């Protein structure tokens, strides 16, 4: 029996409300700031209520960008970010699920050593190996290209580990039944493992899509052509102008637009995402 304690209920709701306020306040400030004119910020204060320039700010960023900062239209930068995020998410899933399949279901020399070598790369994120990675990408002529944005970030030891744990939870009877029915390894992988891993793939896709969309340091380093700017790196470049003050209304409008694709992915894939995180039985 659960006791009804009004004070504890009030305290729990108060903590939740405070948490929502702390998280939502920066978003509110950005949303409000994106509806004002640039001269509204010259007083040194941030408006806390909407202005009347929302249509002008958003339409300019979507259609023309900011020529004084060398910024292309936001739509183009969002397309670059979308290509990068999709490439990273799908690439990580494809490489990780096949690697885990090989480690779990095939017997070859140094199988576990290979897994632990893969697992140890979790200690080497791209920020640690960024100089040699940049050198390799530059020597291969992949600066200012989609492959240059995607390939160095496409492998994931975490995803390999997660899929390995999923495959280890599969009952051995499935493998025996598939072998008796004459299914080869790839047919077993395609017709049995992939459908059973659908929710885990969806959960990992959401996480990796947001990871790819929010990439900052790597795109900022290897993209010098404005046609290849991603949305996050573009916001950074907009805020560091040399000869004039940052146009915060346009920066905040770009930040609000940059939040929308990850938010939509989470909303539309929420059911599969939650199920993939909490599902334990196959």
Protein backbone atom coordinates (compact mmCIF):
# COMPACT_ATOMS: atom_id res chain seq x y z
CA UNK A 1 0.00 0.00 0.00
CA UNK A 2 1.36 3.43 -0.99
CA UNK A 3 0.97 6.12 1.66
CA UNK A 4 -0.47 9.46 0.66
CA UNK A 5 1.89 12.12 1.98
CA UNK A 6 0.81 15.58 0.77
CA UNK A 7 4.02 17.30 1.84
CA UNK A 8 6.24 14.85 -0.03
CA UNK A 9 4.02 15.10 -3.10
CA UNK A 10 4.25 18.89 -2.95
CA UNK A 11 8.03 18.73 -2.53
CA UNK A 12 8.42 16.31 -5.45
CA UNK A 13 6.32 18.51 -7.73
CA UNK A 14 8.21 21.60 -6.62
CA UNK A 15 11.56 20.00 -7.49
CA UNK A 16 10.21 18.90 -10.87
CA UNK A 17 8.87 22.38 -11.62
CA UNK A 18 12.17 24.00 -10.65
CA UNK A 19 14.00 21.53 -12.88
CA UNK A 20 11.74 22.36 -15.82
CA UNK A 21 12.28 26.09 -15.24
CA UNK A 22 16.06 25.68 -15.15
CA UNK A 23 16.04 23.66 -18.38
CA UNK A 24 13.42 25.72 -20.22
CA UNK A 25 14.58 29.24 -19.29
CA UNK A 26 17.50 29.37 -21.80
CA UNK A 27 15.17 28.10 -24.53
CA UNK A 28 12.61 30.77 -23.61
CA UNK A 29 15.28 33.50 -23.70
CA UNK A 30 16.47 32.32 -27.13
CA UNK A 31 12.91 32.14 -28.47
CA UNK A 32 12.07 35.63 -27.22
CA UNK A 33 15.35 37.11 -28.44
CA UNK A 34 14.74 35.70 -31.92
CA UNK A 35 11.64 37.89 -32.28
CA UNK A 36 13.35 41.26 -31.65
CA UNK A 37 15.37 43.62 -33.80
CA UNK A 38 19.15 43.72 -33.41
CA UNK A 39 19.16 47.22 -31.88
CA UNK A 40 16.97 45.98 -29.00
CA UNK A 41 20.09 44.39 -27.48
CA UNK A 42 22.21 47.55 -27.49
CA UNK A 43 20.87 48.49 -24.04
CA UNK A 44 22.69 45.52 -22.54
CA UNK A 45 19.52 43.76 -21.38
CA UNK A 46 17.81 40.70 -22.80
CA UNK A 47 14.07 41.13 -23.48
CA UNK A 48 11.86 38.61 -21.72
CA UNK A 49 8.76 39.00 -23.91
CA UNK A 50 8.17 38.59 -27.61
CA UNK A 51 8.88 41.31 -30.13
CA UNK A 52 7.42 41.96 -33.57
CA UNK A 53 10.34 40.91 -35.77
CA UNK A 54 9.85 37.14 -35.72
CA UNK A 55 8.80 36.77 -39.36
CA UNK A 56 11.59 39.03 -40.64
CA UNK A 57 14.30 37.28 -38.59
CA UNK A 58 13.32 33.73 -39.43
CA UNK A 59 12.58 34.41 -43.09
CA UNK A 60 15.94 36.12 -43.55
CA UNK A 61 17.89 33.31 -41.92
CA UNK A 62 16.03 30.66 -43.91
CA UNK A 63 16.31 32.43 -47.24
CA UNK A 64 19.41 34.63 -47.27
CA UNK A 65 21.59 34.14 -44.20
CA UNK A 66 23.96 36.88 -43.04
CA UNK A 67 26.27 38.07 -45.79
CA UNK A 68 28.38 40.21 -43.43
CA UNK A 69 29.34 37.09 -41.44
CA UNK A 70 29.68 34.89 -44.51
CA UNK A 71 26.80 32.73 -43.31
CA UNK A 72 24.77 30.83 -45.91
CA UNK A 73 21.03 30.35 -45.40
CA UNK A 74 20.14 28.29 -42.35
CA UNK A 75 18.34 25.76 -44.55
CA UNK A 76 21.59 24.86 -46.27
CA UNK A 77 23.48 24.52 -42.99
CA UNK A 78 20.69 22.35 -41.60
CA UNK A 79 20.91 20.15 -44.69
CA UNK A 80 24.64 19.69 -44.06
CA UNK A 81 23.96 18.84 -40.42
CA UNK A 82 21.21 16.42 -41.47
CA UNK A 83 23.51 14.62 -43.90
CA UNK A 84 26.20 14.41 -41.22
CA UNK A 85 23.83 13.21 -38.49
CA UNK A 86 22.18 10.58 -40.70
CA UNK A 87 25.53 9.36 -42.00
CA UNK A 88 26.97 9.05 -38.50
CA UNK A 89 23.87 7.39 -37.03
CA UNK A 90 23.36 4.88 -39.85
CA UNK A 91 27.08 4.21 -40.20
CA UNK A 92 27.55 3.58 -36.50
CA UNK A 93 24.58 1.20 -36.44
CA UNK A 94 25.72 -0.71 -39.54
CA UNK A 95 29.32 -1.13 -38.39
CA UNK A 96 28.46 -1.86 -34.77
CA UNK A 97 25.73 -4.43 -35.40
CA UNK A 98 27.84 -6.40 -37.88
CA UNK A 99 30.87 -6.24 -35.57
CA UNK A 100 28.80 -7.50 -32.64
CA UNK A 101 27.31 -10.24 -34.82
CA UNK A 102 30.78 -11.45 -35.78
CA UNK A 103 32.07 -11.36 -32.19
CA UNK A 104 29.10 -13.24 -30.72
CA UNK A 105 28.27 -15.83 -33.39
CA UNK A 106 31.62 -16.63 -35.02
CA UNK A 107 34.59 -18.41 -33.53
CA UNK A 108 37.92 -17.09 -34.75
CA UNK A 109 41.35 -16.56 -33.17
CA UNK A 110 41.67 -13.60 -30.82
CA UNK A 111 37.93 -12.96 -30.98
CA UNK A 112 37.68 -11.53 -27.46
CA UNK A 113 40.95 -9.66 -27.87
CA UNK A 114 39.43 -7.91 -30.88
CA UNK A 115 36.38 -7.01 -28.83
CA UNK A 116 38.40 -5.55 -25.97
CA UNK A 117 40.55 -3.58 -28.42
CA UNK A 118 37.35 -2.12 -29.86
CA UNK A 119 36.03 -1.47 -26.36
CA UNK A 120 39.24 0.31 -25.33
CA UNK A 121 38.73 2.91 -28.04
CA UNK A 122 36.03 4.43 -25.82
CA UNK A 123 38.94 6.14 -24.08
CA UNK A 124 39.99 7.81 -27.35
CA UNK A 125 37.25 10.21 -28.48
CA UNK A 126 37.79 12.35 -31.54
CA UNK A 127 38.97 15.28 -29.38
CA UNK A 128 41.94 13.21 -28.16
CA UNK A 129 43.01 12.06 -31.63
CA UNK A 130 41.93 15.15 -33.50
CA UNK A 131 45.38 16.16 -34.83
CA UNK A 132 46.29 12.82 -36.48
CA UNK A 133 42.70 12.41 -37.65
CA UNK A 134 42.80 15.83 -39.30
CA UNK A 135 46.13 14.93 -40.95
CA UNK A 136 44.70 11.73 -42.41
CA UNK A 137 41.53 13.44 -43.65
CA UNK A 138 43.55 16.29 -45.20
CA UNK A 139 45.95 13.88 -46.93
CA UNK A 140 42.99 11.99 -48.39
CA UNK A 141 41.52 15.23 -49.78
CA UNK A 142 38.34 15.00 -47.71
CA UNK A 143 38.31 18.49 -46.23
CA UNK A 144 35.02 20.30 -46.93
CA UNK A 145 33.29 17.07 -47.91
CA UNK A 146 30.56 14.90 -46.41
CA UNK A 147 32.88 11.85 -46.14
CA UNK A 148 35.33 14.03 -44.20
CA UNK A 149 32.57 15.04 -41.80
CA UNK A 150 31.18 11.52 -41.34
CA UNK A 151 33.87 8.84 -41.65
CA UNK A 152 36.13 9.85 -38.70
CA UNK A 153 33.07 9.67 -36.38
CA UNK A 154 31.42 6.59 -37.84
CA UNK A 155 32.75 3.86 -35.54
CA UNK A 156 31.35 3.35 -32.04
CA UNK A 157 32.67 1.02 -29.35
CA UNK A 158 29.63 1.82 -27.19
CA UNK A 159 27.19 0.72 -29.88
CA UNK A 160 29.21 -2.45 -30.53
CA UNK A 161 29.09 -3.27 -26.82
CA UNK A 162 25.32 -2.66 -26.65
CA UNK A 163 24.58 -4.88 -29.65
CA UNK A 164 26.88 -7.56 -28.25
CA UNK A 165 24.87 -7.58 -25.05
CA UNK A 166 21.62 -7.78 -27.04
CA UNK A 167 22.87 -10.74 -29.08
CA UNK A 168 24.15 -12.53 -25.98
CA UNK A 169 20.62 -12.32 -24.55
CA UNK A 170 19.20 -14.21 -27.54
CA UNK A 171 18.35 -17.83 -26.68
CA UNK A 172 20.61 -20.47 -28.20
CA UNK A 173 17.51 -22.28 -29.48
CA UNK A 174 17.12 -19.59 -32.15
CA UNK A 175 20.53 -20.37 -33.54
CA UNK A 176 19.92 -24.09 -33.48
CA UNK A 177 16.52 -23.74 -35.13
CA UNK A 178 17.97 -21.55 -37.88
CA UNK A 179 20.77 -24.06 -38.47
CA UNK A 180 18.32 -26.95 -38.68
CA UNK A 181 16.20 -25.00 -41.20
CA UNK A 182 19.28 -24.50 -43.37
CA UNK A 183 19.60 -20.76 -42.82
CA UNK A 184 23.07 -19.39 -43.42
CA UNK A 185 24.72 -16.79 -41.19
CA UNK A 186 23.54 -13.78 -43.17
CA UNK A 187 19.98 -15.12 -43.49
CA UNK A 188 19.93 -15.71 -39.73
CA UNK A 189 21.24 -12.18 -39.22
CA UNK A 190 18.76 -10.61 -41.65
CA UNK A 191 15.60 -12.57 -40.83
CA UNK A 192 15.98 -13.17 -37.09
CA UNK A 193 18.49 -10.88 -35.38
CA UNK A 194 17.58 -7.64 -37.14
CA UNK A 195 13.81 -7.86 -36.44
CA UNK A 196 14.47 -8.78 -32.80
CA UNK A 197 16.87 -5.84 -32.46
CA UNK A 198 14.49 -3.29 -33.99
CA UNK A 199 13.80 -1.36 -30.81
CA UNK A 200 17.48 -1.32 -29.82
CA UNK A 201 18.38 -0.01 -33.28
CA UNK A 202 15.75 2.72 -32.95
CA UNK A 203 17.01 3.78 -29.52
CA UNK A 204 20.59 3.86 -30.73
CA UNK A 205 19.58 5.78 -33.86
CA UNK A 206 18.03 8.56 -31.76
CA UNK A 207 21.11 8.83 -29.55
CA UNK A 208 23.56 8.78 -32.45
CA UNK A 209 21.51 11.19 -34.56
CA UNK A 210 21.58 13.77 -31.77
CA UNK A 211 25.29 13.06 -31.27
CA UNK A 212 25.99 13.72 -34.95
CA UNK A 213 23.72 16.76 -35.13
CA UNK A 214 25.40 18.41 -32.13
CA UNK A 215 28.96 17.88 -33.35
CA UNK A 216 30.89 21.11 -32.92
CA UNK A 217 34.69 20.78 -32.85
CA UNK A 218 35.20 18.45 -35.83
CA UNK A 219 32.99 20.34 -38.34
CA UNK A 220 34.47 23.65 -37.16
CA UNK A 221 37.97 22.31 -37.86
CA UNK A 222 37.58 20.75 -41.30
CA UNK A 223 35.03 23.03 -42.98
CA UNK A 224 36.34 26.29 -44.40
CA UNK A 225 33.89 26.52 -47.30
CA UNK A 226 30.62 28.20 -46.28
CA UNK A 227 28.68 25.70 -48.40
CA UNK A 228 29.80 22.94 -45.98
CA UNK A 229 29.07 24.71 -42.69
CA UNK A 230 26.94 22.74 -40.25
CA UNK A 231 24.33 24.49 -38.16
CA UNK A 232 26.20 24.22 -34.82
CA UNK A 233 29.48 25.44 -36.29
CA UNK A 234 27.55 28.15 -38.11
CA UNK A 235 26.15 29.50 -34.84
CA UNK A 236 29.69 29.69 -33.47
CA UNK A 237 30.91 31.62 -36.51
CA UNK A 238 27.95 34.00 -36.33
CA UNK A 239 28.74 34.87 -32.71
CA UNK A 240 32.43 35.68 -33.33
CA UNK A 241 32.41 38.53 -35.82
CA UNK A 242 35.40 40.85 -35.92
CA UNK A 243 34.27 44.30 -37.05
CA UNK A 244 30.77 44.57 -35.60
CA UNK A 245 28.61 43.42 -32.73
CA UNK A 246 26.99 39.98 -32.98
CA UNK A 247 23.45 40.11 -34.32
CA UNK A 248 21.89 38.20 -31.46
CA UNK A 249 18.40 38.14 -32.90
CA UNK A 250 19.63 36.20 -35.93
CA UNK A 251 21.85 33.98 -33.80
CA UNK A 252 18.97 33.07 -31.52
CA UNK A 253 16.66 32.44 -34.47
CA UNK A 254 19.28 30.06 -35.87
CA UNK A 255 19.62 28.36 -32.48
CA UNK A 256 15.85 27.80 -32.28
CA UNK A 257 15.80 26.34 -35.80
CA UNK A 258 18.75 24.10 -34.89
CA UNK A 259 16.74 22.59 -32.02
CA UNK A 260 13.86 21.47 -34.20
CA UNK A 261 15.22 18.39 -36.09
CA UNK A 262 16.53 16.56 -32.98
CA UNK A 263 13.31 17.42 -31.17
CA UNK A 264 11.21 16.00 -34.01
CA UNK A 265 13.31 12.82 -34.12
CA UNK A 266 12.82 12.28 -30.39
CA UNK A 267 9.07 12.98 -30.60
CA UNK A 268 8.38 10.69 -33.54
CA UNK A 269 10.61 7.87 -32.28
CA UNK A 270 9.83 8.24 -28.58
CA UNK A 271 7.91 4.98 -28.27
CA UNK A 272 10.61 2.86 -29.90
CA UNK A 273 13.32 4.82 -28.09
CA UNK A 274 11.88 4.18 -24.62
CA UNK A 275 11.08 0.57 -25.44
CA UNK A 276 14.59 -0.04 -26.72
CA UNK A 277 16.10 1.34 -23.51
CA UNK A 278 13.91 -0.61 -21.06
CA UNK A 279 13.23 -3.83 -22.95
CA UNK A 280 14.97 -6.79 -21.38
CA UNK A 281 13.06 -9.80 -22.68
CA UNK A 282 13.23 -11.05 -26.25
